Amino acid sequence: MRPPFARYSHGVEIPPGKRLLLCSGQLGIAADDTVPDDAAAQAELCFANIEMILAEAGLGLKDVVRINAFVTDRAHLAAYMAVRDRLFTEPAPASTLMIVSGFARPEFKVEIEVIAAGAP
């Protein structure tokens, strides 16, 4: 099998006894309803929002086992991947990245959802 194209794993096994947290898709929007124009800045906000959700459950980015990410243009792939690759080390989560036609508001360029597995 060919190695992954970037920092992600082809598969991640969840050890027995772990609990799962499924995080809804997060958009690059701040608490004050501002949306940066830059795809990398939106990805940063998506992951920051995800970190807050994980923290409420006593988890962190290190517990993420799966990422589903969506961008609105091929031009945003590198910016998203640079943020993801900086935040996730080995073992990297399983990951899918898709190009979509758009989101609920036209200014959104990135949406990210994750699955995390942590201690009970």
N, C-alpha and C. Protein backbone atom coordinates (compact mmCIF):
# COMPACT_ATOMS: atom_id res chain seq x y z
N MET A 1 0.85 -1.18 0.00
CA MET A 1 0.00 0.00 0.00
C MET A 1 0.89 1.24 0.00
N ARG A 2 0.50 2.22 -0.78
CA ARG A 2 1.23 3.48 -0.82
C ARG A 2 1.06 4.21 0.51
N PRO A 3 2.14 4.80 1.05
CA PRO A 3 2.01 5.59 2.28
C PRO A 3 1.05 6.76 2.06
N PRO A 4 0.49 7.30 3.14
CA PRO A 4 -0.41 8.45 3.02
C PRO A 4 0.26 9.63 2.30
N PHE A 5 -0.57 10.44 1.64
CA PHE A 5 -0.09 11.61 0.92
C PHE A 5 0.42 12.71 1.85
N ALA A 6 -0.07 12.73 3.07
CA ALA A 6 0.27 13.80 4.02
C ALA A 6 0.26 13.19 5.42
N ARG A 7 0.17 14.03 6.44
CA ARG A 7 0.19 13.55 7.82
C ARG A 7 -1.20 13.07 8.23
N TYR A 8 -1.49 11.82 7.88
CA TYR A 8 -2.68 11.14 8.34
C TYR A 8 -2.39 9.64 8.28
N SER A 9 -3.22 8.85 8.94
CA SER A 9 -3.07 7.40 8.95
C SER A 9 -4.15 6.78 8.08
N HIS A 10 -3.82 5.68 7.42
CA HIS A 10 -4.83 4.96 6.64
C HIS A 10 -5.90 4.37 7.56
N GLY A 11 -5.55 4.01 8.77
CA GLY A 11 -6.51 3.46 9.71
C GLY A 11 -6.04 3.69 11.13
N VAL A 12 -7.01 3.82 12.04
CA VAL A 12 -6.72 4.01 13.46
C VAL A 12 -7.62 3.06 14.24
N GLU A 13 -7.03 2.24 15.09
CA GLU A 13 -7.81 1.33 15.93
C GLU A 13 -8.05 1.99 17.28
N ILE A 14 -9.28 1.90 17.74
CA ILE A 14 -9.62 2.46 19.04
C ILE A 14 -9.48 1.34 20.06
N PRO A 15 -8.59 1.50 21.04
CA PRO A 15 -8.37 0.45 22.04
C PRO A 15 -9.63 0.19 22.86
N PRO A 16 -9.78 -1.04 23.35
CA PRO A 16 -10.92 -1.37 24.22
C PRO A 16 -10.96 -0.43 25.43
N GLY A 17 -12.16 -0.11 25.85
CA GLY A 17 -12.32 0.70 27.05
C GLY A 17 -12.29 2.20 26.82
N LYS A 18 -12.05 2.65 25.59
CA LYS A 18 -12.06 4.09 25.32
C LYS A 18 -13.48 4.55 25.05
N ARG A 19 -13.77 5.79 25.38
CA ARG A 19 -15.08 6.36 25.04
C ARG A 19 -14.91 7.23 23.81
N LEU A 20 -15.97 7.37 23.03
CA LEU A 20 -15.92 8.15 21.79
C LEU A 20 -16.64 9.47 21.96
N LEU A 21 -16.10 10.51 21.33
CA LEU A 21 -16.76 11.80 21.22
C LEU A 21 -16.83 12.14 19.74
N LEU A 22 -18.02 12.38 19.24
CA LEU A 22 -18.22 12.77 17.85
C LEU A 22 -18.53 14.25 17.82
N CYS A 23 -17.71 14.99 17.13
CA CYS A 23 -17.82 16.45 17.10
C CYS A 23 -18.47 16.88 15.79
N SER A 24 -19.51 17.67 15.88
CA SER A 24 -20.14 18.23 14.69
C SER A 24 -19.15 19.09 13.92
N GLY A 25 -19.43 19.28 12.65
CA GLY A 25 -18.58 20.13 11.82
C GLY A 25 -18.46 21.53 12.40
N GLN A 26 -17.25 22.02 12.48
CA GLN A 26 -16.98 23.36 13.00
C GLN A 26 -16.50 24.25 11.87
N LEU A 27 -17.02 25.45 11.83
CA LEU A 27 -16.67 26.43 10.81
C LEU A 27 -15.67 27.43 11.37
N GLY A 28 -15.02 28.14 10.49
CA GLY A 28 -14.04 29.14 10.90
C GLY A 28 -14.69 30.44 11.30
N ILE A 29 -15.42 30.40 12.39
CA ILE A 29 -16.14 31.58 12.87
C ILE A 29 -15.81 31.79 14.34
N ALA A 30 -15.53 33.01 14.71
CA ALA A 30 -15.17 33.36 16.08
C ALA A 30 -16.44 33.59 16.91
N ALA A 31 -16.29 33.65 18.21
CA ALA A 31 -17.41 33.87 19.13
C ALA A 31 -18.14 35.18 18.84
N ASP A 32 -17.41 36.16 18.30
CA ASP A 32 -18.04 37.46 17.99
C ASP A 32 -18.63 37.48 16.59
N ASP A 33 -18.77 36.31 15.96
CA ASP A 33 -19.38 36.14 14.64
C ASP A 33 -18.51 36.63 13.48
N THR A 34 -17.23 36.90 13.74
CA THR A 34 -16.34 37.30 12.66
C THR A 34 -15.79 36.06 11.96
N VAL A 35 -15.56 36.20 10.66
CA VAL A 35 -15.04 35.11 9.84
C VAL A 35 -13.85 35.65 9.06
N PRO A 36 -12.65 35.14 9.33
CA PRO A 36 -11.49 35.63 8.57
C PRO A 36 -11.61 35.22 7.10
N ASP A 37 -11.01 36.00 6.23
CA ASP A 37 -11.07 35.71 4.80
C ASP A 37 -10.13 34.57 4.41
N ASP A 38 -9.06 34.41 5.16
CA ASP A 38 -8.00 33.45 4.85
C ASP A 38 -8.40 32.03 5.26
N ALA A 39 -8.19 31.04 4.38
CA ALA A 39 -8.54 29.64 4.67
C ALA A 39 -7.74 29.08 5.85
N ALA A 40 -6.47 29.44 5.96
CA ALA A 40 -5.66 28.96 7.09
C ALA A 40 -6.20 29.50 8.40
N ALA A 41 -6.57 30.76 8.44
CA ALA A 41 -7.14 31.35 9.65
C ALA A 41 -8.47 30.70 10.00
N GLN A 42 -9.25 30.37 9.00
CA GLN A 42 -10.51 29.66 9.26
C GLN A 42 -10.22 28.26 9.82
N ALA A 43 -9.24 27.57 9.27
CA ALA A 43 -8.88 26.25 9.78
C ALA A 43 -8.42 26.34 11.23
N GLU A 44 -7.63 27.38 11.55
CA GLU A 44 -7.20 27.59 12.94
C GLU A 44 -8.40 27.74 13.86
N LEU A 45 -9.38 28.52 13.44
CA LEU A 45 -10.58 28.71 14.26
C LEU A 45 -11.38 27.42 14.38
N CYS A 46 -11.49 26.66 13.29
CA CYS A 46 -12.19 25.38 13.36
C CYS A 46 -11.55 24.50 14.42
N PHE A 47 -10.23 24.35 14.37
CA PHE A 47 -9.55 23.49 15.33
C PHE A 47 -9.60 24.07 16.74
N ALA A 48 -9.58 25.39 16.89
CA ALA A 48 -9.71 26.00 18.22
C ALA A 48 -11.09 25.69 18.80
N ASN A 49 -12.13 25.77 17.97
CA ASN A 49 -13.48 25.43 18.43
C ASN A 49 -13.55 23.95 18.82
N ILE A 50 -12.93 23.10 18.01
CA ILE A 50 -12.89 21.67 18.31
C ILE A 50 -12.17 21.42 19.63
N GLU A 51 -11.06 22.11 19.85
CA GLU A 51 -10.33 21.96 21.11
C GLU A 51 -11.21 22.29 22.31
N MET A 52 -12.04 23.33 22.19
CA MET A 52 -12.94 23.70 23.29
C MET A 52 -13.97 22.60 23.55
N ILE A 53 -14.50 22.02 22.49
CA ILE A 53 -15.48 20.94 22.64
C ILE A 53 -14.81 19.73 23.29
N LEU A 54 -13.63 19.39 22.83
CA LEU A 54 -12.89 18.26 23.40
C LEU A 54 -12.57 18.51 24.87
N ALA A 55 -12.15 19.73 25.19
CA ALA A 55 -11.77 20.05 26.57
C ALA A 55 -12.94 19.87 27.53
N GLU A 56 -14.15 20.20 27.07
CA GLU A 56 -15.33 20.00 27.93
C GLU A 56 -15.51 18.54 28.31
N ALA A 57 -15.01 17.64 27.47
CA ALA A 57 -15.11 16.21 27.75
C ALA A 57 -13.82 15.66 28.37
N GLY A 58 -12.89 16.55 28.71
CA GLY A 58 -11.63 16.11 29.29
C GLY A 58 -10.68 15.50 28.26
N LEU A 59 -10.85 15.87 27.01
CA LEU A 59 -10.02 15.36 25.92
C LEU A 59 -9.25 16.50 25.26
N GLY A 60 -8.36 16.15 24.35
CA GLY A 60 -7.60 17.15 23.61
C GLY A 60 -7.37 16.68 22.18
N LEU A 61 -6.66 17.48 21.41
CA LEU A 61 -6.38 17.12 20.02
C LEU A 61 -5.62 15.80 19.93
N LYS A 62 -4.85 15.45 20.95
CA LYS A 62 -4.10 14.20 20.95
C LYS A 62 -5.03 12.99 20.93
N ASP A 63 -6.29 13.19 21.30
CA ASP A 63 -7.28 12.10 21.33
C ASP A 63 -8.06 11.95 20.02
N VAL A 64 -7.83 12.83 19.07
CA VAL A 64 -8.56 12.76 17.79
C VAL A 64 -8.06 11.55 17.00
N VAL A 65 -9.02 10.71 16.58
CA VAL A 65 -8.68 9.53 15.79
C VAL A 65 -9.15 9.64 14.35
N ARG A 66 -10.03 10.59 14.06
CA ARG A 66 -10.56 10.75 12.70
C ARG A 66 -10.89 12.20 12.45
N ILE A 67 -10.49 12.70 11.27
CA ILE A 67 -10.82 14.05 10.83
C ILE A 67 -11.53 13.95 9.49
N ASN A 68 -12.65 14.64 9.36
CA ASN A 68 -13.29 14.86 8.07
C ASN A 68 -13.25 16.36 7.83
N ALA A 69 -12.59 16.76 6.77
CA ALA A 69 -12.45 18.19 6.49
C ALA A 69 -12.99 18.49 5.10
N PHE A 70 -13.53 19.69 4.96
CA PHE A 70 -14.14 20.12 3.72
C PHE A 70 -13.63 21.53 3.41
N VAL A 71 -13.23 21.77 2.17
CA VAL A 71 -12.83 23.09 1.72
C VAL A 71 -13.61 23.41 0.44
N THR A 72 -13.77 24.69 0.16
CA THR A 72 -14.59 25.09 -0.99
C THR A 72 -13.81 25.27 -2.29
N ASP A 73 -12.50 25.08 -2.23
CA ASP A 73 -11.71 25.25 -3.45
C ASP A 73 -10.39 24.51 -3.29
N ARG A 74 -9.91 23.96 -4.37
CA ARG A 74 -8.62 23.26 -4.36
C ARG A 74 -7.51 24.18 -3.86
N ALA A 75 -7.64 25.48 -4.08
CA ALA A 75 -6.64 26.45 -3.64
C ALA A 75 -6.50 26.49 -2.12
N HIS A 76 -7.49 26.00 -1.38
CA HIS A 76 -7.45 26.02 0.09
C HIS A 76 -6.83 24.77 0.69
N LEU A 77 -6.53 23.76 -0.11
CA LEU A 77 -6.01 22.50 0.40
C LEU A 77 -4.71 22.69 1.18
N ALA A 78 -3.74 23.37 0.59
CA ALA A 78 -2.43 23.53 1.24
C ALA A 78 -2.53 24.28 2.56
N ALA A 79 -3.35 25.33 2.60
CA ALA A 79 -3.50 26.11 3.84
C ALA A 79 -4.10 25.25 4.95
N TYR A 80 -5.15 24.50 4.60
CA TYR A 80 -5.76 23.61 5.59
C TYR A 80 -4.75 22.57 6.07
N MET A 81 -4.07 21.91 5.13
CA MET A 81 -3.15 20.83 5.50
C MET A 81 -1.98 21.34 6.34
N ALA A 82 -1.53 22.56 6.10
CA ALA A 82 -0.44 23.12 6.91
C ALA A 82 -0.87 23.26 8.36
N VAL A 83 -2.10 23.71 8.59
CA VAL A 83 -2.61 23.84 9.96
C VAL A 83 -2.77 22.46 10.58
N ARG A 84 -3.42 21.54 9.86
CA ARG A 84 -3.61 20.18 10.38
C ARG A 84 -2.27 19.52 10.72
N ASP A 85 -1.32 19.62 9.82
CA ASP A 85 -0.03 18.94 10.03
C ASP A 85 0.75 19.53 11.20
N ARG A 86 0.56 20.81 11.48
CA ARG A 86 1.22 21.43 12.63
C ARG A 86 0.59 20.98 13.94
N LEU A 87 -0.71 20.74 13.93
CA LEU A 87 -1.44 20.41 15.17
C LEU A 87 -1.41 18.93 15.52
N PHE A 88 -1.21 18.07 14.53
CA PHE A 88 -1.28 16.63 14.77
C PHE A 88 0.05 15.97 14.46
N THR A 89 0.54 15.21 15.44
CA THR A 89 1.80 14.50 15.29
C THR A 89 1.50 13.01 15.15
N GLU A 90 2.53 12.20 15.22
CA GLU A 90 2.35 10.76 15.09
C GLU A 90 1.89 10.16 16.41
N PRO A 91 1.00 9.19 16.42
CA PRO A 91 0.34 8.69 15.23
C PRO A 91 -0.73 9.68 14.77
N ALA A 92 -0.74 9.95 13.50
CA ALA A 92 -1.70 10.90 12.95
C ALA A 92 -3.08 10.26 12.87
N PRO A 93 -4.13 11.07 13.00
CA PRO A 93 -5.49 10.51 12.87
C PRO A 93 -5.76 10.08 11.44
N ALA A 94 -6.76 9.22 11.27
CA ALA A 94 -7.28 8.95 9.94
C ALA A 94 -7.93 10.25 9.46
N SER A 95 -7.91 10.48 8.15
CA SER A 95 -8.38 11.78 7.68
C SER A 95 -8.91 11.69 6.26
N THR A 96 -9.98 12.43 6.01
CA THR A 96 -10.51 12.61 4.66
C THR A 96 -10.66 14.10 4.43
N LEU A 97 -10.26 14.54 3.24
CA LEU A 97 -10.35 15.95 2.86
C LEU A 97 -11.09 16.03 1.53
N MET A 98 -12.19 16.78 1.51
CA MET A 98 -13.01 16.88 0.31
C MET A 98 -13.20 18.33 -0.11
N ILE A 99 -13.35 18.52 -1.40
CA ILE A 99 -13.69 19.83 -1.95
C ILE A 99 -15.20 19.83 -2.18
N VAL A 100 -15.86 20.84 -1.61
CA VAL A 100 -17.31 20.95 -1.70
C VAL A 100 -17.69 22.27 -2.37
N SER A 101 -18.94 22.37 -2.78
CA SER A 101 -19.37 23.58 -3.50
C SER A 101 -19.63 24.76 -2.59
N GLY A 102 -19.83 24.54 -1.30
CA GLY A 102 -20.04 25.66 -0.40
C GLY A 102 -20.67 25.24 0.90
N PHE A 103 -20.84 26.22 1.79
CA PHE A 103 -21.42 26.02 3.11
C PHE A 103 -22.61 26.96 3.29
N ALA A 104 -23.13 27.04 4.51
CA ALA A 104 -24.33 27.82 4.79
C ALA A 104 -24.18 29.31 4.47
N ARG A 105 -22.97 29.84 4.63
CA ARG A 105 -22.70 31.24 4.29
C ARG A 105 -21.54 31.27 3.32
N PRO A 106 -21.58 32.16 2.34
CA PRO A 106 -20.56 32.16 1.28
C PRO A 106 -19.14 32.46 1.76
N GLU A 107 -18.97 33.11 2.90
CA GLU A 107 -17.63 33.45 3.37
C GLU A 107 -16.89 32.26 3.99
N PHE A 108 -17.61 31.19 4.32
CA PHE A 108 -16.96 30.01 4.89
C PHE A 108 -16.20 29.26 3.81
N LYS A 109 -14.94 28.90 4.13
CA LYS A 109 -14.08 28.18 3.19
C LYS A 109 -13.69 26.80 3.72
N VAL A 110 -13.80 26.59 5.03
CA VAL A 110 -13.33 25.37 5.67
C VAL A 110 -14.35 24.92 6.71
N GLU A 111 -14.60 23.61 6.76
CA GLU A 111 -15.38 23.02 7.84
C GLU A 111 -14.67 21.72 8.24
N ILE A 112 -14.61 21.47 9.55
CA ILE A 112 -13.89 20.31 10.06
C ILE A 112 -14.72 19.63 11.13
N GLU A 113 -14.83 18.30 11.02
CA GLU A 113 -15.46 17.50 12.07
C GLU A 113 -14.47 16.42 12.49
N VAL A 114 -14.57 16.00 13.74
CA VAL A 114 -13.62 14.99 14.24
C VAL A 114 -14.36 13.95 15.08
N ILE A 115 -13.66 12.83 15.25
CA ILE A 115 -14.03 11.81 16.22
C ILE A 115 -12.82 11.66 17.12
N ALA A 116 -13.07 11.66 18.42
CA ALA A 116 -11.99 11.51 19.41
C ALA A 116 -12.29 10.29 20.28
N ALA A 117 -11.23 9.67 20.76
CA ALA A 117 -11.37 8.52 21.66
C ALA A 117 -10.47 8.77 22.86
N GLY A 118 -11.06 8.74 24.05
CA GLY A 118 -10.29 9.03 25.25
C GLY A 118 -10.61 8.07 26.38
N ALA A 119 -9.92 8.29 27.46
CA ALA A 119 -10.11 7.45 28.65
C ALA A 119 -11.52 7.62 29.20
N PRO A 120 -12.07 6.55 29.75
CA PRO A 120 -13.44 6.65 30.32
C PRO A 120 -13.50 7.57 31.53
